[in-house]
Every structure is written in structure tokens, then in C-alpha cells.
Amino acid sequence: MEKVLVLLLLALAVAYAVPDPRGLIINLKEGELCLNSVQCRSKCCHRDTGLSLARCAPKARESSECSAFTLYGVYYKCPCERGLTCEVDRTIVGSITNTNFGVCLDASRSRK
């Protein structure tokens, strides 16, 4: 366990030492391979199928399909852009199976 922590700290030190503001592990651009949404600028690491590679993707726009939450850090549908809400049935089964998809709606318009 200690070896894993040391390797992780070493990897983070290398990432922060790189002069490029993008980094090697975090702050990735759209289209770059990722393992978790935290790595992406958009905060959405997206994959099409369970066997495809995950890549950073833009957040979902209004009237697009979206995911409200993921337990694994990788989405099949990206969360909504800022100011939009993902209208979805939020169940624990949907979160575990990653099938809790909805539609992005403008929060101010949906209240009226």
C-alpha cells in the first residue's frame, strides 16, 4: 500500500512539474483519453459503450441527454452545462448500472 502511495505522489509531482498548463494527468482537453472525470477540463470523461475507451467530452447542452451522477467517474452521457439541470429519475439502481439518463433543461424556465 505504501508503494502505491509513493508512486501516486511521484506521478502527481511529475504532472505539476511540467511547464505546459495542460499537464499530463489533469486538465485534459476534449478528445484526450481519460480514466475519470476529474482529469478533464469539462469534468466529463465519456465513453460510448462499456468496451470503448473513455475520452474527455463537452458537457451536455439544453435538450440533450444527460446523466445526473455517476459512481465510477466515467459517464455514458455527460452532465449538463452550467445553469441547466438534468431532469432524471434518480435511483440507486440507475446510478449503479449507469442508466439514469435524463434531459438537460433550463432551471429558470422549468420553474415557470
N, C-alpha and C. Protein backbone atom coordinates (compact mmCIF):
# COMPACT_ATOMS: atom_id res chain seq x y z
N MET A 1 0.82 -1.19 0.00
CA MET A 1 0.00 0.00 0.00
C MET A 1 0.87 1.26 0.00
N GLU A 2 1.96 1.22 0.76
CA GLU A 2 2.86 2.36 0.80
C GLU A 2 3.50 2.62 -0.55
N LYS A 3 3.83 1.55 -1.27
CA LYS A 3 4.44 1.70 -2.59
C LYS A 3 3.48 2.38 -3.55
N VAL A 4 2.20 2.04 -3.47
CA VAL A 4 1.19 2.65 -4.34
C VAL A 4 1.09 4.14 -4.05
N LEU A 5 1.09 4.51 -2.78
CA LEU A 5 1.01 5.92 -2.42
C LEU A 5 2.23 6.70 -2.90
N VAL A 6 3.40 6.09 -2.78
CA VAL A 6 4.63 6.74 -3.23
C VAL A 6 4.58 6.94 -4.74
N LEU A 7 4.12 5.93 -5.48
CA LEU A 7 4.02 6.05 -6.94
C LEU A 7 3.01 7.12 -7.32
N LEU A 8 1.90 7.18 -6.62
CA LEU A 8 0.89 8.19 -6.89
C LEU A 8 1.43 9.60 -6.64
N LEU A 9 2.12 9.78 -5.53
CA LEU A 9 2.71 11.08 -5.24
C LEU A 9 3.78 11.45 -6.26
N LEU A 10 4.54 10.49 -6.70
CA LEU A 10 5.56 10.74 -7.72
C LEU A 10 4.91 11.16 -9.03
N ALA A 11 3.84 10.47 -9.41
CA ALA A 11 3.13 10.82 -10.64
C ALA A 11 2.54 12.23 -10.56
N LEU A 12 1.98 12.58 -9.41
CA LEU A 12 1.43 13.92 -9.25
C LEU A 12 2.53 14.98 -9.28
N ALA A 13 3.69 14.68 -8.70
CA ALA A 13 4.80 15.62 -8.73
C ALA A 13 5.27 15.87 -10.15
N VAL A 14 5.33 14.82 -10.96
CA VAL A 14 5.73 14.95 -12.36
C VAL A 14 4.70 15.78 -13.11
N ALA A 15 3.42 15.54 -12.86
CA ALA A 15 2.36 16.27 -13.54
C ALA A 15 2.42 17.77 -13.24
N TYR A 16 2.69 18.12 -12.00
CA TYR A 16 2.76 19.52 -11.63
C TYR A 16 4.06 20.17 -12.06
N ALA A 17 5.10 19.40 -12.31
CA ALA A 17 6.39 19.94 -12.70
C ALA A 17 6.44 20.28 -14.19
N VAL A 18 5.53 19.76 -14.97
CA VAL A 18 5.51 20.00 -16.40
C VAL A 18 5.15 21.46 -16.66
N PRO A 19 5.91 22.18 -17.48
CA PRO A 19 5.63 23.59 -17.72
C PRO A 19 4.32 23.85 -18.48
N ASP A 20 3.86 22.89 -19.26
CA ASP A 20 2.62 23.04 -20.01
C ASP A 20 1.45 23.13 -19.03
N PRO A 21 0.57 24.13 -19.14
CA PRO A 21 -0.52 24.27 -18.18
C PRO A 21 -1.53 23.12 -18.26
N ARG A 22 -1.53 22.38 -19.35
CA ARG A 22 -2.45 21.27 -19.51
C ARG A 22 -2.11 20.13 -18.57
N GLY A 23 -0.85 19.83 -18.37
CA GLY A 23 -0.45 18.73 -17.50
C GLY A 23 -0.52 17.39 -18.22
N LEU A 24 -0.07 16.35 -17.55
CA LEU A 24 -0.09 15.01 -18.11
C LEU A 24 -1.29 14.19 -17.64
N ILE A 25 -1.76 14.50 -16.45
CA ILE A 25 -2.79 13.69 -15.83
C ILE A 25 -4.09 14.45 -15.66
N ILE A 26 -4.01 15.74 -15.40
CA ILE A 26 -5.22 16.52 -15.17
C ILE A 26 -5.32 17.67 -16.17
N ASN A 27 -6.48 18.33 -16.21
CA ASN A 27 -6.72 19.47 -17.09
C ASN A 27 -6.62 19.08 -18.56
N LEU A 28 -7.16 17.91 -18.91
CA LEU A 28 -7.08 17.39 -20.27
C LEU A 28 -8.11 18.05 -21.18
N LYS A 29 -7.77 18.20 -22.44
CA LYS A 29 -8.66 18.81 -23.43
C LYS A 29 -9.67 17.79 -23.94
N GLU A 30 -10.70 18.29 -24.65
CA GLU A 30 -11.70 17.40 -25.24
C GLU A 30 -11.03 16.46 -26.24
N GLY A 31 -11.43 15.20 -26.19
CA GLY A 31 -10.90 14.20 -27.10
C GLY A 31 -9.72 13.41 -26.56
N GLU A 32 -9.13 13.86 -25.46
CA GLU A 32 -7.99 13.14 -24.89
C GLU A 32 -8.48 12.00 -23.99
N LEU A 33 -7.70 10.91 -23.96
CA LEU A 33 -8.06 9.76 -23.16
C LEU A 33 -8.05 10.10 -21.68
N CYS A 34 -9.02 9.54 -20.94
CA CYS A 34 -9.11 9.80 -19.50
C CYS A 34 -9.57 8.54 -18.77
N LEU A 35 -9.37 8.54 -17.47
CA LEU A 35 -9.84 7.45 -16.61
C LEU A 35 -10.94 7.89 -15.67
N ASN A 36 -11.03 9.22 -15.44
CA ASN A 36 -12.00 9.76 -14.51
C ASN A 36 -12.33 11.19 -14.92
N SER A 37 -13.53 11.65 -14.60
CA SER A 37 -13.97 12.99 -15.00
C SER A 37 -13.16 14.10 -14.35
N VAL A 38 -12.52 13.83 -13.24
CA VAL A 38 -11.71 14.84 -12.55
C VAL A 38 -10.55 15.29 -13.43
N GLN A 39 -10.10 14.42 -14.32
CA GLN A 39 -8.96 14.74 -15.18
C GLN A 39 -9.29 15.74 -16.28
N CYS A 40 -10.54 15.87 -16.65
CA CYS A 40 -10.95 16.68 -17.80
C CYS A 40 -11.26 18.12 -17.42
N ARG A 41 -10.95 19.04 -18.34
CA ARG A 41 -11.32 20.44 -18.13
C ARG A 41 -12.84 20.57 -17.99
N SER A 42 -13.57 19.83 -18.79
CA SER A 42 -15.03 19.91 -18.79
C SER A 42 -15.65 19.12 -17.63
N LYS A 43 -14.85 18.34 -16.94
CA LYS A 43 -15.32 17.46 -15.85
C LYS A 43 -16.26 16.39 -16.37
N CYS A 44 -16.05 15.94 -17.61
CA CYS A 44 -16.84 14.85 -18.17
C CYS A 44 -15.93 13.90 -18.94
N CYS A 45 -15.69 12.73 -18.37
CA CYS A 45 -14.96 11.66 -19.03
C CYS A 45 -16.04 10.72 -19.59
N HIS A 46 -16.15 10.64 -20.90
CA HIS A 46 -17.27 10.00 -21.58
C HIS A 46 -16.84 8.77 -22.37
N ARG A 47 -17.68 7.73 -22.34
CA ARG A 47 -17.45 6.55 -23.19
C ARG A 47 -18.77 6.18 -23.85
N ASP A 48 -18.70 5.61 -25.05
CA ASP A 48 -19.91 5.23 -25.79
C ASP A 48 -20.47 3.90 -25.31
N THR A 49 -19.59 2.93 -25.10
CA THR A 49 -20.02 1.60 -24.66
C THR A 49 -19.11 1.15 -23.52
N GLY A 50 -19.46 0.04 -22.91
CA GLY A 50 -18.65 -0.50 -21.82
C GLY A 50 -17.27 -0.95 -22.25
N LEU A 51 -17.06 -1.19 -23.54
CA LEU A 51 -15.77 -1.66 -24.04
C LEU A 51 -14.96 -0.57 -24.73
N SER A 52 -15.53 0.61 -24.92
CA SER A 52 -14.81 1.68 -25.62
C SER A 52 -13.91 2.44 -24.65
N LEU A 53 -12.95 3.14 -25.21
CA LEU A 53 -12.05 3.97 -24.42
C LEU A 53 -12.76 5.26 -24.04
N ALA A 54 -12.53 5.74 -22.84
CA ALA A 54 -13.15 6.97 -22.38
C ALA A 54 -12.30 8.17 -22.80
N ARG A 55 -12.98 9.22 -23.22
CA ARG A 55 -12.32 10.45 -23.64
C ARG A 55 -13.04 11.65 -23.03
N CYS A 56 -12.30 12.73 -22.84
CA CYS A 56 -12.91 13.95 -22.33
C CYS A 56 -13.88 14.50 -23.37
N ALA A 57 -15.04 14.95 -22.91
CA ALA A 57 -16.09 15.44 -23.81
C ALA A 57 -16.72 16.69 -23.21
N PRO A 58 -17.37 17.51 -24.06
CA PRO A 58 -18.05 18.70 -23.52
C PRO A 58 -19.30 18.30 -22.75
N LYS A 59 -19.73 19.16 -21.86
CA LYS A 59 -20.95 18.90 -21.10
C LYS A 59 -22.16 19.00 -22.02
N ALA A 60 -23.26 18.37 -21.61
CA ALA A 60 -24.48 18.31 -22.42
C ALA A 60 -25.16 19.68 -22.47
N ARG A 61 -25.71 20.00 -23.64
CA ARG A 61 -26.41 21.27 -23.84
C ARG A 61 -27.89 21.10 -23.57
N GLU A 62 -28.63 22.19 -23.64
CA GLU A 62 -30.06 22.15 -23.38
C GLU A 62 -30.76 21.21 -24.36
N SER A 63 -31.67 20.42 -23.86
CA SER A 63 -32.46 19.43 -24.60
C SER A 63 -31.65 18.20 -25.03
N SER A 64 -30.43 18.07 -24.52
CA SER A 64 -29.60 16.90 -24.82
C SER A 64 -29.76 15.87 -23.70
N GLU A 65 -29.44 14.61 -24.02
CA GLU A 65 -29.46 13.58 -22.98
C GLU A 65 -28.31 13.82 -22.00
N CYS A 66 -28.55 13.47 -20.74
CA CYS A 66 -27.55 13.72 -19.71
C CYS A 66 -27.61 12.65 -18.63
N SER A 67 -26.58 12.61 -17.81
CA SER A 67 -26.55 11.79 -16.60
C SER A 67 -26.45 12.75 -15.43
N ALA A 68 -27.20 12.48 -14.38
CA ALA A 68 -27.17 13.34 -13.22
C ALA A 68 -25.94 13.06 -12.35
N PHE A 69 -25.53 11.79 -12.28
CA PHE A 69 -24.47 11.40 -11.36
C PHE A 69 -23.91 10.06 -11.80
N THR A 70 -22.64 9.83 -11.52
CA THR A 70 -22.05 8.52 -11.77
C THR A 70 -21.19 8.14 -10.56
N LEU A 71 -21.24 6.87 -10.20
CA LEU A 71 -20.44 6.39 -9.09
C LEU A 71 -18.99 6.13 -9.51
N TYR A 72 -18.77 5.93 -10.80
CA TYR A 72 -17.47 5.48 -11.29
C TYR A 72 -16.59 6.58 -11.85
N GLY A 73 -17.11 7.78 -12.07
CA GLY A 73 -16.32 8.87 -12.60
C GLY A 73 -16.26 8.90 -14.11
N VAL A 74 -16.93 7.97 -14.79
CA VAL A 74 -16.99 7.94 -16.25
C VAL A 74 -18.46 7.90 -16.65
N TYR A 75 -18.84 8.76 -17.57
CA TYR A 75 -20.23 8.90 -17.99
C TYR A 75 -20.50 8.25 -19.35
N TYR A 76 -21.72 7.76 -19.54
CA TYR A 76 -22.20 7.37 -20.86
C TYR A 76 -22.89 8.56 -21.51
N LYS A 77 -23.43 9.46 -20.70
CA LYS A 77 -24.00 10.74 -21.13
C LYS A 77 -23.43 11.79 -20.18
N CYS A 78 -22.87 12.86 -20.71
CA CYS A 78 -22.24 13.88 -19.86
C CYS A 78 -23.29 14.65 -19.05
N PRO A 79 -22.88 15.20 -17.91
CA PRO A 79 -23.79 16.05 -17.14
C PRO A 79 -24.04 17.37 -17.90
N CYS A 80 -25.02 18.11 -17.44
CA CYS A 80 -25.43 19.35 -18.12
C CYS A 80 -24.44 20.49 -17.91
N GLU A 81 -24.49 21.44 -18.86
CA GLU A 81 -23.71 22.67 -18.73
C GLU A 81 -24.20 23.47 -17.53
N ARG A 82 -23.43 24.43 -17.14
CA ARG A 82 -23.78 25.29 -16.00
C ARG A 82 -25.09 26.02 -16.28
N GLY A 83 -25.96 26.06 -15.29
CA GLY A 83 -27.25 26.74 -15.43
C GLY A 83 -28.37 25.81 -15.87
N LEU A 84 -28.02 24.59 -16.26
CA LEU A 84 -29.03 23.61 -16.68
C LEU A 84 -29.12 22.51 -15.62
N THR A 85 -30.27 21.87 -15.56
CA THR A 85 -30.44 20.74 -14.65
C THR A 85 -30.81 19.50 -15.44
N CYS A 86 -30.37 18.37 -14.95
CA CYS A 86 -30.68 17.10 -15.60
C CYS A 86 -31.93 16.53 -14.95
N GLU A 87 -33.05 16.59 -15.68
CA GLU A 87 -34.32 16.07 -15.17
C GLU A 87 -34.32 14.56 -15.41
N VAL A 88 -34.13 13.80 -14.31
CA VAL A 88 -33.98 12.36 -14.42
C VAL A 88 -34.55 11.71 -13.16
N ASP A 89 -34.98 10.47 -13.29
CA ASP A 89 -35.42 9.70 -12.13
C ASP A 89 -34.16 9.23 -11.41
N ARG A 90 -33.89 9.78 -10.24
CA ARG A 90 -32.66 9.48 -9.50
C ARG A 90 -32.88 8.28 -8.59
N THR A 91 -32.39 7.13 -9.02
CA THR A 91 -32.49 5.93 -8.20
C THR A 91 -31.10 5.35 -8.02
N ILE A 92 -30.92 4.60 -6.95
CA ILE A 92 -29.61 3.98 -6.69
C ILE A 92 -29.31 2.91 -7.74
N VAL A 93 -30.34 2.21 -8.21
CA VAL A 93 -30.12 1.19 -9.25
C VAL A 93 -29.63 1.84 -10.53
N GLY A 94 -30.21 2.97 -10.90
CA GLY A 94 -29.75 3.68 -12.09
C GLY A 94 -28.33 4.17 -11.96
N SER A 95 -27.93 4.58 -10.76
CA SER A 95 -26.56 5.04 -10.54
C SER A 95 -25.57 3.89 -10.63
N ILE A 96 -25.94 2.74 -10.08
CA ILE A 96 -25.04 1.58 -10.10
C ILE A 96 -24.88 1.04 -11.51
N THR A 97 -25.99 0.93 -12.25
CA THR A 97 -25.94 0.38 -13.61
C THR A 97 -25.62 1.44 -14.65
N ASN A 98 -25.50 2.71 -14.22
CA ASN A 98 -25.18 3.82 -15.10
C ASN A 98 -26.21 3.97 -16.21
N THR A 99 -27.49 3.86 -15.85
CA THR A 99 -28.57 4.00 -16.83
C THR A 99 -29.54 5.10 -16.42
N ASN A 100 -29.14 5.97 -15.52
CA ASN A 100 -30.03 7.04 -15.07
C ASN A 100 -29.88 8.26 -15.99
N PHE A 101 -30.39 8.16 -17.22
CA PHE A 101 -30.28 9.23 -18.19
C PHE A 101 -31.51 10.11 -18.16
N GLY A 102 -31.32 11.38 -18.46
CA GLY A 102 -32.42 12.33 -18.49
C GLY A 102 -32.19 13.34 -19.60
N VAL A 103 -32.81 14.52 -19.45
CA VAL A 103 -32.71 15.59 -20.44
C VAL A 103 -32.32 16.87 -19.73
N CYS A 104 -31.40 17.63 -20.32
CA CYS A 104 -30.98 18.91 -19.75
C CYS A 104 -32.05 19.96 -20.00
N LEU A 105 -32.48 20.62 -18.93
CA LEU A 105 -33.47 21.68 -19.03
C LEU A 105 -32.97 22.92 -18.31
N ASP A 106 -33.38 24.08 -18.80
CA ASP A 106 -33.03 25.34 -18.15
C ASP A 106 -33.80 25.42 -16.84
N ALA A 107 -33.10 25.58 -15.74
CA ALA A 107 -33.72 25.59 -14.42
C ALA A 107 -34.71 26.74 -14.26
N SER A 108 -34.40 27.90 -14.83
CA SER A 108 -35.29 29.06 -14.68
C SER A 108 -36.58 28.88 -15.48
N ARG A 109 -36.52 28.23 -16.63
CA ARG A 109 -37.72 28.01 -17.44
C ARG A 109 -38.58 26.89 -16.91
N SER A 110 -37.96 25.86 -16.29
CA SER A 110 -38.73 24.72 -15.81
C SER A 110 -39.55 25.07 -14.56
N ARG A 111 -39.20 26.13 -13.85
CA ARG A 111 -39.93 26.54 -12.65
C ARG A 111 -41.23 27.25 -13.00
N LYS A 112 -41.29 27.85 -14.18
CA LYS A 112 -42.46 28.65 -14.57
C LYS A 112 -43.64 27.79 -14.97
